[in-house]
Amino acid sequence: MTPISLNNTIAEPYVAAAQKPGSPAGSAPAGSVSVPAEGADHVQLSPTAAREVEFTGRVAENVTAGNITTDQAQQLYGQIATVHQQIATDRQANDGTLSASDAQAIRQTQNQLSGTIYSDAHNGAAPPSAQTVPKTASRDTLEAGRIALNAKAGNLSSTQAQQLGSQLGTIEQQAATDAQANGGTLSPADVQAINQLQTQLSQQIYQTAHPAVGPEPVVNQA
């Protein structure tokens, strides 16, 4: 399985949440957890790595929407890669885990990067002091990041990435339509339906990017 990286720098690999027999030992990053999302994604990532993937998705989606130029995107991808490198370096210096102080420093750096992405996508406007993102939207961004990173890693062709991105766009449109019909928020039934669509797409991303591995393993969320 090809590790997903940005600008060919070190990064946490995407791995199946349940390791298959015969898989190389140690492929999963130490202390990783399932992505905390609405009906968590069946990919094993640490919280810091999950946030980095979401940043990648935000950049990719804003490029598609015409809010960020290609040059801006490359600069942002470079900054994301730098954070990846810092996470890896900090973990290596602390026996495979982030210390409390390192984790706090990474969160501060990620907060700054998040603000930069927002400003670049909104003509230099300052990001809002408090911004609430629905879990369904957060997971959409995560899936967009997975598509972008798998494409960069060579696990998806440009055609496959476009097809998966189109399916993601359809889900996002459905969520927007459902929210508009319900006074601006998704009903519990709508959330469940959107989550099912997202899970199907998540599995399709995994299977398309790793056809030789087989179906994406499902994690017991209990």
N, C-alpha and C. Protein backbone atom coordinates (compact mmCIF):
# COMPACT_ATOMS: atom_id res chain seq x y z
N MET A 1 0.85 -1.19 0.00
CA MET A 1 0.00 0.00 0.00
C MET A 1 0.88 1.24 0.00
N THR A 2 0.63 2.18 -0.88
CA THR A 2 1.46 3.38 -0.99
C THR A 2 1.15 4.38 0.11
N PRO A 3 2.18 4.79 0.88
CA PRO A 3 1.92 5.84 1.88
C PRO A 3 1.50 7.12 1.19
N ILE A 4 0.57 7.81 1.78
CA ILE A 4 0.09 9.06 1.21
C ILE A 4 0.92 10.20 1.78
N SER A 5 1.52 10.99 0.92
CA SER A 5 2.34 12.09 1.39
C SER A 5 2.07 13.33 0.57
N LEU A 6 2.55 14.45 1.06
CA LEU A 6 2.42 15.71 0.35
C LEU A 6 3.80 16.18 -0.07
N ASN A 7 3.93 16.54 -1.35
CA ASN A 7 5.21 17.02 -1.87
C ASN A 7 6.34 16.05 -1.57
N ASN A 8 6.02 14.74 -1.57
CA ASN A 8 7.00 13.69 -1.35
C ASN A 8 7.70 13.78 0.00
N THR A 9 7.07 14.41 0.99
CA THR A 9 7.67 14.48 2.31
C THR A 9 7.07 13.40 3.19
N ILE A 10 7.68 13.16 4.33
CA ILE A 10 7.19 12.13 5.23
C ILE A 10 5.80 12.48 5.73
N ALA A 11 4.96 11.50 5.83
CA ALA A 11 3.59 11.72 6.31
C ALA A 11 3.07 10.43 6.89
N GLU A 12 2.00 10.51 7.65
CA GLU A 12 1.39 9.30 8.17
C GLU A 12 0.69 8.57 7.05
N PRO A 13 0.89 7.26 6.96
CA PRO A 13 0.22 6.51 5.89
C PRO A 13 -1.23 6.27 6.21
N TYR A 14 -2.03 6.13 5.16
CA TYR A 14 -3.39 5.65 5.33
C TYR A 14 -3.29 4.15 5.47
N VAL A 15 -3.89 3.59 6.48
CA VAL A 15 -3.88 2.15 6.66
C VAL A 15 -5.28 1.70 6.99
N ALA A 16 -5.57 0.45 6.68
CA ALA A 16 -6.86 -0.11 7.06
C ALA A 16 -6.94 -0.19 8.57
N ALA A 17 -8.12 0.07 9.11
CA ALA A 17 -8.28 0.09 10.56
C ALA A 17 -8.05 -1.29 11.17
N ALA A 18 -8.35 -2.33 10.44
CA ALA A 18 -8.06 -3.69 10.91
C ALA A 18 -7.02 -4.28 9.97
N GLN A 19 -5.85 -4.61 10.51
CA GLN A 19 -4.75 -5.07 9.66
C GLN A 19 -5.02 -6.45 9.11
N LYS A 20 -4.69 -6.66 7.86
CA LYS A 20 -4.91 -7.95 7.24
C LYS A 20 -3.77 -8.89 7.58
N PRO A 21 -4.02 -10.21 7.65
CA PRO A 21 -2.94 -11.16 7.91
C PRO A 21 -1.85 -11.03 6.88
N GLY A 22 -0.61 -11.05 7.34
CA GLY A 22 0.51 -10.96 6.42
C GLY A 22 0.93 -9.55 6.09
N SER A 23 0.20 -8.54 6.63
CA SER A 23 0.58 -7.16 6.37
C SER A 23 1.81 -6.83 7.17
N PRO A 24 2.66 -5.91 6.68
CA PRO A 24 3.88 -5.56 7.40
C PRO A 24 3.55 -5.02 8.77
N ALA A 25 4.30 -5.46 9.77
CA ALA A 25 4.08 -4.97 11.12
C ALA A 25 4.52 -3.53 11.21
N GLY A 26 3.80 -2.79 12.05
CA GLY A 26 4.21 -1.41 12.30
C GLY A 26 3.75 -0.43 11.25
N SER A 27 2.85 -0.84 10.34
CA SER A 27 2.41 0.10 9.32
C SER A 27 1.46 1.15 9.87
N ALA A 28 0.79 0.85 10.98
CA ALA A 28 -0.12 1.81 11.59
C ALA A 28 0.63 2.68 12.56
N PRO A 29 0.41 4.02 12.51
CA PRO A 29 1.10 4.91 13.43
C PRO A 29 0.71 4.65 14.87
N ALA A 30 1.69 4.77 15.75
CA ALA A 30 1.43 4.51 17.16
C ALA A 30 0.40 5.47 17.71
N GLY A 31 -0.52 4.94 18.51
CA GLY A 31 -1.52 5.77 19.16
C GLY A 31 -2.59 6.27 18.25
N SER A 32 -2.72 5.66 17.02
CA SER A 32 -3.76 6.14 16.14
C SER A 32 -5.14 5.71 16.58
N VAL A 33 -6.11 6.50 16.19
CA VAL A 33 -7.49 6.23 16.57
C VAL A 33 -8.37 6.40 15.36
N SER A 34 -9.57 5.86 15.42
CA SER A 34 -10.51 6.05 14.32
C SER A 34 -10.92 7.51 14.24
N VAL A 35 -11.12 7.98 13.02
CA VAL A 35 -11.48 9.38 12.82
C VAL A 35 -12.80 9.68 13.53
N PRO A 36 -12.82 10.68 14.41
CA PRO A 36 -14.06 11.02 15.11
C PRO A 36 -14.99 11.81 14.21
N ALA A 37 -15.93 11.13 13.58
CA ALA A 37 -16.85 11.80 12.68
C ALA A 37 -18.21 11.15 12.84
N GLU A 38 -19.20 11.72 12.17
CA GLU A 38 -20.54 11.16 12.20
C GLU A 38 -20.48 9.80 11.54
N GLY A 39 -20.60 8.70 12.31
CA GLY A 39 -20.41 7.37 11.76
C GLY A 39 -18.99 7.26 11.28
N ALA A 40 -18.03 7.21 12.21
CA ALA A 40 -16.60 7.43 11.94
C ALA A 40 -16.12 6.71 10.70
N ASP A 41 -15.23 7.36 9.99
CA ASP A 41 -14.65 6.80 8.79
C ASP A 41 -13.86 5.55 9.16
N HIS A 42 -13.85 4.57 8.28
CA HIS A 42 -13.18 3.32 8.58
C HIS A 42 -11.72 3.39 8.15
N VAL A 43 -11.05 4.43 8.54
CA VAL A 43 -9.63 4.60 8.27
C VAL A 43 -8.99 4.96 9.59
N GLN A 44 -7.81 4.39 9.86
CA GLN A 44 -7.17 4.59 11.14
C GLN A 44 -6.19 5.76 11.05
N LEU A 45 -6.49 6.84 11.74
CA LEU A 45 -5.66 8.03 11.74
C LEU A 45 -5.65 8.64 13.14
N SER A 46 -4.52 9.23 13.50
CA SER A 46 -4.50 9.98 14.74
C SER A 46 -5.30 11.25 14.56
N PRO A 47 -5.77 11.88 15.64
CA PRO A 47 -6.54 13.12 15.50
C PRO A 47 -5.77 14.21 14.76
N THR A 48 -4.47 14.34 15.01
CA THR A 48 -3.69 15.37 14.32
C THR A 48 -3.60 15.06 12.83
N ALA A 49 -3.44 13.79 12.48
CA ALA A 49 -3.37 13.42 11.06
C ALA A 49 -4.72 13.64 10.39
N ALA A 50 -5.80 13.30 11.10
CA ALA A 50 -7.14 13.51 10.54
C ALA A 50 -7.36 14.98 10.20
N ARG A 51 -6.89 15.85 11.06
CA ARG A 51 -7.07 17.29 10.82
C ARG A 51 -6.26 17.73 9.60
N GLU A 52 -5.07 17.15 9.44
CA GLU A 52 -4.26 17.48 8.27
C GLU A 52 -4.95 17.04 6.98
N VAL A 53 -5.59 15.88 7.02
CA VAL A 53 -6.32 15.40 5.84
C VAL A 53 -7.49 16.33 5.53
N GLU A 54 -8.16 16.79 6.58
CA GLU A 54 -9.26 17.74 6.37
C GLU A 54 -8.74 19.04 5.74
N PHE A 55 -7.58 19.50 6.18
CA PHE A 55 -7.00 20.71 5.56
C PHE A 55 -6.77 20.48 4.07
N THR A 56 -6.24 19.30 3.74
CA THR A 56 -6.01 18.98 2.33
C THR A 56 -7.32 19.02 1.56
N GLY A 57 -8.38 18.48 2.17
CA GLY A 57 -9.69 18.50 1.53
C GLY A 57 -10.22 19.90 1.34
N ARG A 58 -10.01 20.75 2.35
CA ARG A 58 -10.47 22.15 2.24
C ARG A 58 -9.77 22.85 1.08
N VAL A 59 -8.46 22.64 0.98
CA VAL A 59 -7.72 23.27 -0.12
C VAL A 59 -8.23 22.76 -1.46
N ALA A 60 -8.36 21.44 -1.58
CA ALA A 60 -8.80 20.84 -2.84
C ALA A 60 -10.19 21.34 -3.24
N GLU A 61 -11.10 21.41 -2.28
CA GLU A 61 -12.46 21.86 -2.59
C GLU A 61 -12.49 23.33 -2.98
N ASN A 62 -11.65 24.14 -2.33
CA ASN A 62 -11.62 25.56 -2.69
C ASN A 62 -10.96 25.81 -4.03
N VAL A 63 -10.02 24.96 -4.41
CA VAL A 63 -9.45 25.06 -5.76
C VAL A 63 -10.53 24.75 -6.79
N THR A 64 -11.29 23.67 -6.55
CA THR A 64 -12.36 23.28 -7.46
C THR A 64 -13.41 24.39 -7.59
N ALA A 65 -13.70 25.06 -6.47
CA ALA A 65 -14.70 26.13 -6.47
C ALA A 65 -14.17 27.44 -7.02
N GLY A 66 -12.87 27.50 -7.31
CA GLY A 66 -12.28 28.72 -7.84
C GLY A 66 -11.97 29.76 -6.78
N ASN A 67 -11.97 29.36 -5.51
CA ASN A 67 -11.69 30.31 -4.43
C ASN A 67 -10.21 30.46 -4.14
N ILE A 68 -9.42 29.48 -4.55
CA ILE A 68 -7.98 29.47 -4.32
C ILE A 68 -7.28 29.19 -5.64
N THR A 69 -6.22 29.93 -5.92
CA THR A 69 -5.47 29.71 -7.15
C THR A 69 -4.57 28.49 -6.99
N THR A 70 -4.05 28.01 -8.11
CA THR A 70 -3.13 26.87 -8.08
C THR A 70 -1.88 27.20 -7.28
N ASP A 71 -1.36 28.42 -7.45
CA ASP A 71 -0.17 28.82 -6.69
C ASP A 71 -0.46 28.85 -5.19
N GLN A 72 -1.62 29.40 -4.81
CA GLN A 72 -1.98 29.42 -3.40
C GLN A 72 -2.11 28.00 -2.86
N ALA A 73 -2.72 27.12 -3.66
CA ALA A 73 -2.90 25.73 -3.23
C ALA A 73 -1.55 25.06 -2.99
N GLN A 74 -0.60 25.27 -3.89
CA GLN A 74 0.71 24.66 -3.72
C GLN A 74 1.39 25.16 -2.46
N GLN A 75 1.25 26.45 -2.17
CA GLN A 75 1.83 27.01 -0.95
C GLN A 75 1.18 26.39 0.29
N LEU A 76 -0.15 26.24 0.24
CA LEU A 76 -0.86 25.65 1.37
C LEU A 76 -0.50 24.18 1.54
N TYR A 77 -0.40 23.45 0.43
CA TYR A 77 0.01 22.05 0.52
C TYR A 77 1.41 21.94 1.13
N GLY A 78 2.28 22.88 0.77
CA GLY A 78 3.61 22.88 1.35
C GLY A 78 3.58 23.10 2.86
N GLN A 79 2.70 23.99 3.30
CA GLN A 79 2.57 24.24 4.74
C GLN A 79 2.00 23.01 5.46
N ILE A 80 1.04 22.35 4.82
CA ILE A 80 0.48 21.13 5.40
C ILE A 80 1.57 20.07 5.53
N ALA A 81 2.39 19.95 4.48
CA ALA A 81 3.48 18.98 4.50
C ALA A 81 4.49 19.30 5.61
N THR A 82 4.73 20.58 5.84
CA THR A 82 5.65 20.98 6.91
C THR A 82 5.12 20.55 8.28
N VAL A 83 3.81 20.69 8.47
CA VAL A 83 3.22 20.25 9.73
C VAL A 83 3.34 18.74 9.87
N HIS A 84 3.09 18.01 8.77
CA HIS A 84 3.27 16.56 8.78
C HIS A 84 4.68 16.20 9.23
N GLN A 85 5.65 16.90 8.67
CA GLN A 85 7.04 16.62 9.00
C GLN A 85 7.32 16.89 10.48
N GLN A 86 6.73 17.98 11.00
CA GLN A 86 6.95 18.32 12.40
C GLN A 86 6.32 17.26 13.31
N ILE A 87 5.13 16.78 12.93
CA ILE A 87 4.47 15.73 13.72
C ILE A 87 5.36 14.48 13.76
N ALA A 88 5.87 14.09 12.59
CA ALA A 88 6.71 12.89 12.52
C ALA A 88 7.98 13.07 13.34
N THR A 89 8.60 14.25 13.25
CA THR A 89 9.82 14.51 14.00
C THR A 89 9.58 14.48 15.50
N ASP A 90 8.49 15.12 15.94
CA ASP A 90 8.17 15.15 17.36
C ASP A 90 7.88 13.75 17.89
N ARG A 91 7.18 12.95 17.10
CA ARG A 91 6.88 11.59 17.54
C ARG A 91 8.14 10.74 17.64
N GLN A 92 9.01 10.90 16.66
CA GLN A 92 10.24 10.12 16.67
C GLN A 92 11.09 10.45 17.89
N ALA A 93 11.03 11.70 18.32
CA ALA A 93 11.82 12.13 19.48
C ALA A 93 11.17 11.72 20.80
N ASN A 94 9.93 11.21 20.74
CA ASN A 94 9.22 10.88 21.97
C ASN A 94 8.66 9.46 21.93
N ASP A 95 9.44 8.54 21.35
CA ASP A 95 9.08 7.11 21.32
C ASP A 95 7.76 6.84 20.62
N GLY A 96 7.47 7.59 19.57
CA GLY A 96 6.31 7.28 18.75
C GLY A 96 5.03 7.97 19.10
N THR A 97 5.04 8.84 20.10
CA THR A 97 3.83 9.56 20.47
C THR A 97 4.14 11.05 20.61
N LEU A 98 3.10 11.87 20.56
CA LEU A 98 3.26 13.30 20.78
C LEU A 98 3.14 13.60 22.27
N SER A 99 4.08 14.35 22.81
CA SER A 99 3.96 14.79 24.19
C SER A 99 2.86 15.84 24.28
N ALA A 100 2.42 16.13 25.49
CA ALA A 100 1.36 17.12 25.67
C ALA A 100 1.77 18.48 25.12
N SER A 101 3.02 18.87 25.35
CA SER A 101 3.48 20.17 24.86
C SER A 101 3.60 20.17 23.34
N ASP A 102 4.07 19.05 22.77
CA ASP A 102 4.16 18.95 21.31
C ASP A 102 2.78 19.01 20.68
N ALA A 103 1.82 18.28 21.28
CA ALA A 103 0.46 18.27 20.75
C ALA A 103 -0.14 19.67 20.78
N GLN A 104 0.12 20.42 21.85
CA GLN A 104 -0.40 21.78 21.95
C GLN A 104 0.22 22.68 20.89
N ALA A 105 1.52 22.52 20.67
CA ALA A 105 2.21 23.33 19.65
C ALA A 105 1.68 23.01 18.26
N ILE A 106 1.43 21.72 17.99
CA ILE A 106 0.90 21.32 16.69
C ILE A 106 -0.49 21.89 16.49
N ARG A 107 -1.33 21.85 17.55
CA ARG A 107 -2.68 22.42 17.44
C ARG A 107 -2.63 23.91 17.12
N GLN A 108 -1.71 24.62 17.75
CA GLN A 108 -1.58 26.05 17.48
C GLN A 108 -1.16 26.29 16.03
N THR A 109 -0.21 25.49 15.56
CA THR A 109 0.22 25.62 14.16
C THR A 109 -0.93 25.29 13.22
N GLN A 110 -1.69 24.25 13.54
CA GLN A 110 -2.83 23.88 12.70
C GLN A 110 -3.91 24.96 12.71
N ASN A 111 -4.13 25.58 13.86
CA ASN A 111 -5.11 26.67 13.93
C ASN A 111 -4.70 27.83 13.04
N GLN A 112 -3.41 28.14 13.04
CA GLN A 112 -2.91 29.21 12.18
C GLN A 112 -3.08 28.84 10.70
N LEU A 113 -2.77 27.59 10.38
CA LEU A 113 -2.91 27.13 9.00
C LEU A 113 -4.37 27.15 8.57
N SER A 114 -5.26 26.75 9.48
CA SER A 114 -6.69 26.78 9.18
C SER A 114 -7.14 28.20 8.84
N GLY A 115 -6.65 29.17 9.61
CA GLY A 115 -6.98 30.56 9.34
C GLY A 115 -6.44 31.04 8.00
N THR A 116 -5.24 30.57 7.65
CA THR A 116 -4.65 30.94 6.37
C THR A 116 -5.48 30.40 5.21
N ILE A 117 -5.92 29.15 5.33
CA ILE A 117 -6.76 28.56 4.28
C ILE A 117 -8.04 29.38 4.13
N TYR A 118 -8.65 29.73 5.24
CA TYR A 118 -9.89 30.51 5.20
C TYR A 118 -9.64 31.86 4.52
N SER A 119 -8.58 32.55 4.92
CA SER A 119 -8.29 33.87 4.37
C SER A 119 -8.01 33.81 2.87
N ASP A 120 -7.21 32.81 2.46
CA ASP A 120 -6.91 32.67 1.03
C ASP A 120 -8.17 32.40 0.22
N ALA A 121 -9.11 31.66 0.82
CA ALA A 121 -10.34 31.31 0.10
C ALA A 121 -11.39 32.41 0.16
N HIS A 122 -11.17 33.44 1.00
CA HIS A 122 -12.15 34.51 1.17
C HIS A 122 -11.52 35.89 0.97
N ASN A 123 -10.65 35.96 -0.04
CA ASN A 123 -10.06 37.25 -0.45
C ASN A 123 -9.39 37.99 0.71
N GLY A 124 -8.71 37.25 1.56
CA GLY A 124 -7.94 37.88 2.63
C GLY A 124 -8.73 38.18 3.89
N ALA A 125 -10.01 37.82 3.92
CA ALA A 125 -10.83 38.10 5.11
C ALA A 125 -10.33 37.30 6.30
N ALA A 126 -10.44 37.89 7.48
CA ALA A 126 -10.04 37.19 8.69
C ALA A 126 -11.04 36.09 9.01
N PRO A 127 -10.59 34.95 9.48
CA PRO A 127 -11.53 33.88 9.82
C PRO A 127 -12.38 34.26 11.02
N PRO A 128 -13.60 33.77 11.08
CA PRO A 128 -14.47 34.07 12.23
C PRO A 128 -13.87 33.51 13.51
N SER A 129 -14.12 34.19 14.62
CA SER A 129 -13.54 33.76 15.89
C SER A 129 -14.11 32.43 16.34
N ALA A 130 -15.34 32.17 16.03
CA ALA A 130 -15.97 30.90 16.38
C ALA A 130 -16.74 30.39 15.17
N GLN A 131 -16.33 29.26 14.67
CA GLN A 131 -16.97 28.70 13.48
C GLN A 131 -17.36 27.26 13.76
N THR A 132 -18.65 26.98 13.67
CA THR A 132 -19.15 25.64 13.91
C THR A 132 -19.35 24.92 12.58
N VAL A 133 -18.72 23.77 12.44
CA VAL A 133 -18.84 22.98 11.22
C VAL A 133 -19.60 21.71 11.54
N PRO A 134 -20.75 21.47 10.88
CA PRO A 134 -21.49 20.23 11.13
C PRO A 134 -20.61 19.01 10.89
N LYS A 135 -20.87 17.93 11.63
CA LYS A 135 -20.05 16.73 11.49
C LYS A 135 -20.13 16.16 10.09
N THR A 136 -21.32 16.26 9.46
CA THR A 136 -21.44 15.74 8.10
C THR A 136 -20.56 16.52 7.15
N ALA A 137 -20.48 17.86 7.33
CA ALA A 137 -19.62 18.68 6.47
C ALA A 137 -18.15 18.38 6.75
N SER A 138 -17.81 18.17 8.01
CA SER A 138 -16.43 17.84 8.37
C SER A 138 -16.01 16.53 7.72
N ARG A 139 -16.93 15.57 7.70
CA ARG A 139 -16.58 14.29 7.09
C ARG A 139 -16.46 14.43 5.57
N ASP A 140 -17.29 15.27 4.96
CA ASP A 140 -17.15 15.52 3.52
C ASP A 140 -15.76 16.06 3.21
N THR A 141 -15.30 16.98 4.05
CA THR A 141 -13.98 17.56 3.85
C THR A 141 -12.89 16.50 4.02
N LEU A 142 -13.07 15.62 4.99
CA LEU A 142 -12.12 14.53 5.18
C LEU A 142 -12.06 13.63 3.95
N GLU A 143 -13.23 13.29 3.39
CA GLU A 143 -13.25 12.44 2.20
C GLU A 143 -12.60 13.15 1.02
N ALA A 144 -12.81 14.46 0.91
CA ALA A 144 -12.15 15.23 -0.17
C ALA A 144 -10.64 15.16 0.00
N GLY A 145 -10.17 15.23 1.25
CA GLY A 145 -8.74 15.11 1.50
C GLY A 145 -8.21 13.74 1.14
N ARG A 146 -8.96 12.70 1.45
CA ARG A 146 -8.54 11.34 1.09
C ARG A 146 -8.41 11.19 -0.42
N ILE A 147 -9.37 11.75 -1.16
CA ILE A 147 -9.31 11.66 -2.62
C ILE A 147 -8.06 12.39 -3.13
N ALA A 148 -7.84 13.61 -2.63
CA ALA A 148 -6.70 14.40 -3.09
C ALA A 148 -5.38 13.72 -2.75
N LEU A 149 -5.25 13.19 -1.54
CA LEU A 149 -4.00 12.56 -1.14
C LEU A 149 -3.75 11.26 -1.88
N ASN A 150 -4.80 10.48 -2.10
CA ASN A 150 -4.62 9.25 -2.87
C ASN A 150 -4.26 9.55 -4.32
N ALA A 151 -4.79 10.63 -4.87
CA ALA A 151 -4.42 11.03 -6.23
C ALA A 151 -2.96 11.45 -6.26
N LYS A 152 -2.52 12.22 -5.26
CA LYS A 152 -1.12 12.64 -5.20
C LYS A 152 -0.17 11.46 -5.04
N ALA A 153 -0.64 10.43 -4.30
CA ALA A 153 0.19 9.25 -4.07
C ALA A 153 0.21 8.31 -5.26
N GLY A 154 -0.60 8.59 -6.27
CA GLY A 154 -0.66 7.73 -7.44
C GLY A 154 -1.59 6.54 -7.28
N ASN A 155 -2.37 6.52 -6.19
CA ASN A 155 -3.31 5.43 -5.97
C ASN A 155 -4.61 5.61 -6.74
N LEU A 156 -4.88 6.84 -7.18
CA LEU A 156 -6.06 7.13 -7.99
C LEU A 156 -5.62 7.85 -9.25
N SER A 157 -6.22 7.49 -10.39
CA SER A 157 -5.98 8.24 -11.62
C SER A 157 -6.76 9.53 -11.56
N SER A 158 -6.45 10.46 -12.45
CA SER A 158 -7.18 11.73 -12.45
C SER A 158 -8.66 11.49 -12.75
N THR A 159 -8.95 10.53 -13.61
CA THR A 159 -10.35 10.22 -13.91
C THR A 159 -11.07 9.66 -12.70
N GLN A 160 -10.41 8.73 -11.99
CA GLN A 160 -11.01 8.17 -10.78
C GLN A 160 -11.24 9.25 -9.72
N ALA A 161 -10.25 10.14 -9.56
CA ALA A 161 -10.38 11.21 -8.59
C ALA A 161 -11.55 12.13 -8.94
N GLN A 162 -11.70 12.43 -10.22
CA GLN A 162 -12.80 13.29 -10.66
C GLN A 162 -14.15 12.62 -10.42
N GLN A 163 -14.23 11.32 -10.69
CA GLN A 163 -15.49 10.60 -10.48
C GLN A 163 -15.86 10.56 -9.00
N LEU A 164 -14.88 10.28 -8.14
CA LEU A 164 -15.14 10.25 -6.71
C LEU A 164 -15.48 11.64 -6.19
N GLY A 165 -14.79 12.65 -6.73
CA GLY A 165 -15.10 14.03 -6.34
C GLY A 165 -16.50 14.43 -6.74
N SER A 166 -16.94 13.95 -7.90
CA SER A 166 -18.30 14.24 -8.36
C SER A 166 -19.33 13.59 -7.44
N GLN A 167 -19.06 12.37 -7.01
CA GLN A 167 -19.98 11.70 -6.08
C GLN A 167 -20.02 12.44 -4.75
N LEU A 168 -18.86 12.92 -4.31
CA LEU A 168 -18.83 13.69 -3.07
C LEU A 168 -19.64 14.97 -3.22
N GLY A 169 -19.52 15.62 -4.37
CA GLY A 169 -20.29 16.83 -4.63
C GLY A 169 -21.79 16.57 -4.60
N THR A 170 -22.20 15.42 -5.11
CA THR A 170 -23.61 15.05 -5.08
C THR A 170 -24.11 14.90 -3.64
N ILE A 171 -23.28 14.30 -2.79
CA ILE A 171 -23.65 14.15 -1.38
C ILE A 171 -23.75 15.52 -0.71
N GLU A 172 -22.80 16.39 -0.99
CA GLU A 172 -22.82 17.73 -0.41
C GLU A 172 -24.06 18.49 -0.85
N GLN A 173 -24.43 18.34 -2.12
CA GLN A 173 -25.64 19.01 -2.63
C GLN A 173 -26.89 18.46 -1.96
N GLN A 174 -26.91 17.13 -1.75
CA GLN A 174 -28.06 16.52 -1.08
C GLN A 174 -28.18 17.04 0.34
N ALA A 175 -27.04 17.16 1.04
CA ALA A 175 -27.06 17.68 2.41
C ALA A 175 -27.58 19.11 2.44
N ALA A 176 -27.14 19.93 1.47
CA ALA A 176 -27.58 21.32 1.42
C ALA A 176 -29.08 21.41 1.14
N THR A 177 -29.56 20.56 0.23
CA THR A 177 -31.00 20.55 -0.10
C THR A 177 -31.83 20.12 1.10
N ASP A 178 -31.36 19.08 1.79
CA ASP A 178 -32.10 18.60 2.96
C ASP A 178 -32.13 19.65 4.07
N ALA A 179 -30.98 20.32 4.27
CA ALA A 179 -30.92 21.35 5.32
C ALA A 179 -31.85 22.52 4.99
N GLN A 180 -31.89 22.90 3.72
CA GLN A 180 -32.74 24.02 3.30
C GLN A 180 -34.21 23.68 3.52
N ALA A 181 -34.56 22.42 3.33
CA ALA A 181 -35.95 22.00 3.50
C ALA A 181 -36.34 21.83 4.98
N ASN A 182 -35.32 21.94 5.86
CA ASN A 182 -35.59 21.72 7.28
C ASN A 182 -35.16 22.92 8.12
N GLY A 183 -35.28 24.11 7.52
CA GLY A 183 -34.98 25.32 8.28
C GLY A 183 -33.51 25.58 8.52
N GLY A 184 -32.66 25.00 7.69
CA GLY A 184 -31.22 25.29 7.79
C GLY A 184 -30.40 24.24 8.49
N THR A 185 -31.05 23.21 9.03
CA THR A 185 -30.32 22.13 9.69
C THR A 185 -30.79 20.78 9.18
N LEU A 186 -29.97 19.76 9.36
CA LEU A 186 -30.35 18.42 8.96
C LEU A 186 -31.13 17.74 10.08
N SER A 187 -32.21 17.09 9.73
CA SER A 187 -32.96 16.32 10.70
C SER A 187 -32.16 15.05 11.03
N PRO A 188 -32.47 14.38 12.16
CA PRO A 188 -31.77 13.12 12.48
C PRO A 188 -31.86 12.10 11.35
N ALA A 189 -33.02 12.03 10.70
CA ALA A 189 -33.18 11.08 9.59
C ALA A 189 -32.28 11.47 8.42
N ASP A 190 -32.19 12.78 8.16
CA ASP A 190 -31.33 13.25 7.07
C ASP A 190 -29.86 12.96 7.39
N VAL A 191 -29.48 13.19 8.64
CA VAL A 191 -28.09 12.92 9.05
C VAL A 191 -27.75 11.45 8.83
N GLN A 192 -28.67 10.58 9.21
CA GLN A 192 -28.44 9.14 9.04
C GLN A 192 -28.31 8.78 7.56
N ALA A 193 -29.17 9.36 6.73
CA ALA A 193 -29.12 9.06 5.30
C ALA A 193 -27.83 9.57 4.68
N ILE A 194 -27.41 10.79 5.05
CA ILE A 194 -26.18 11.34 4.52
C ILE A 194 -24.99 10.52 4.99
N ASN A 195 -25.04 10.09 6.25
CA ASN A 195 -23.94 9.28 6.79
C ASN A 195 -23.80 7.96 6.03
N GLN A 196 -24.92 7.36 5.66
CA GLN A 196 -24.87 6.13 4.88
C GLN A 196 -24.22 6.36 3.52
N LEU A 197 -24.57 7.48 2.88
CA LEU A 197 -23.96 7.81 1.60
C LEU A 197 -22.46 8.05 1.76
N GLN A 198 -22.08 8.74 2.84
CA GLN A 198 -20.66 9.00 3.08
C GLN A 198 -19.89 7.72 3.34
N THR A 199 -20.51 6.79 4.07
CA THR A 199 -19.85 5.51 4.33
C THR A 199 -19.65 4.72 3.05
N GLN A 200 -20.65 4.73 2.19
CA GLN A 200 -20.52 4.06 0.90
C GLN A 200 -19.40 4.67 0.07
N LEU A 201 -19.32 6.02 0.08
CA LEU A 201 -18.26 6.69 -0.66
C LEU A 201 -16.90 6.39 -0.05
N SER A 202 -16.83 6.38 1.28
CA SER A 202 -15.57 6.07 1.96
C SER A 202 -15.06 4.71 1.54
N GLN A 203 -15.94 3.73 1.50
CA GLN A 203 -15.55 2.39 1.09
C GLN A 203 -15.12 2.37 -0.37
N GLN A 204 -15.80 3.15 -1.20
CA GLN A 204 -15.45 3.18 -2.62
C GLN A 204 -14.08 3.83 -2.82
N ILE A 205 -13.79 4.88 -2.05
CA ILE A 205 -12.47 5.51 -2.14
C ILE A 205 -11.39 4.49 -1.81
N TYR A 206 -11.61 3.76 -0.72
CA TYR A 206 -10.63 2.77 -0.27
C TYR A 206 -10.44 1.68 -1.32
N GLN A 207 -11.55 1.13 -1.81
CA GLN A 207 -11.47 0.03 -2.77
C GLN A 207 -10.87 0.47 -4.10
N THR A 208 -11.17 1.69 -4.53
CA THR A 208 -10.62 2.18 -5.78
C THR A 208 -9.13 2.47 -5.65
N ALA A 209 -8.72 3.00 -4.51
CA ALA A 209 -7.31 3.34 -4.30
C ALA A 209 -6.46 2.11 -4.01
N HIS A 210 -7.09 1.06 -3.47
CA HIS A 210 -6.33 -0.13 -3.08
C HIS A 210 -7.06 -1.39 -3.54
N PRO A 211 -7.19 -1.60 -4.85
CA PRO A 211 -7.99 -2.71 -5.37
C PRO A 211 -7.46 -4.08 -4.96
N ALA A 212 -6.16 -4.19 -4.72
CA ALA A 212 -5.58 -5.50 -4.38
C ALA A 212 -5.78 -5.86 -2.92
N VAL A 213 -6.16 -4.89 -2.11
CA VAL A 213 -6.29 -5.12 -0.67
C VAL A 213 -7.64 -5.73 -0.32
N GLY A 214 -8.66 -5.41 -1.10
CA GLY A 214 -10.00 -5.91 -0.80
C GLY A 214 -10.85 -4.85 -0.13
N PRO A 215 -12.04 -5.24 0.32
CA PRO A 215 -12.97 -4.27 0.92
C PRO A 215 -12.36 -3.60 2.14
N GLU A 216 -12.80 -2.38 2.37
CA GLU A 216 -12.33 -1.62 3.52
C GLU A 216 -12.86 -2.25 4.79
N PRO A 217 -11.98 -2.61 5.74
CA PRO A 217 -12.45 -3.24 6.98
C PRO A 217 -13.30 -2.27 7.79
N VAL A 218 -14.30 -2.80 8.46
CA VAL A 218 -15.17 -1.98 9.30
C VAL A 218 -14.69 -2.06 10.74
N VAL A 219 -14.62 -0.90 11.39
CA VAL A 219 -14.15 -0.84 12.76
C VAL A 219 -15.31 -0.98 13.71
N ASN A 220 -15.14 -1.74 14.76
CA ASN A 220 -16.14 -1.82 15.82
C ASN A 220 -16.07 -0.53 16.63
N GLN A 221 -17.11 0.29 16.56
CA GLN A 221 -17.09 1.60 17.20
C GLN A 221 -17.52 1.54 18.66
N ALA A 222 -17.80 0.36 19.19
CA ALA A 222 -18.23 0.26 20.60
C ALA A 222 -17.13 0.69 21.54
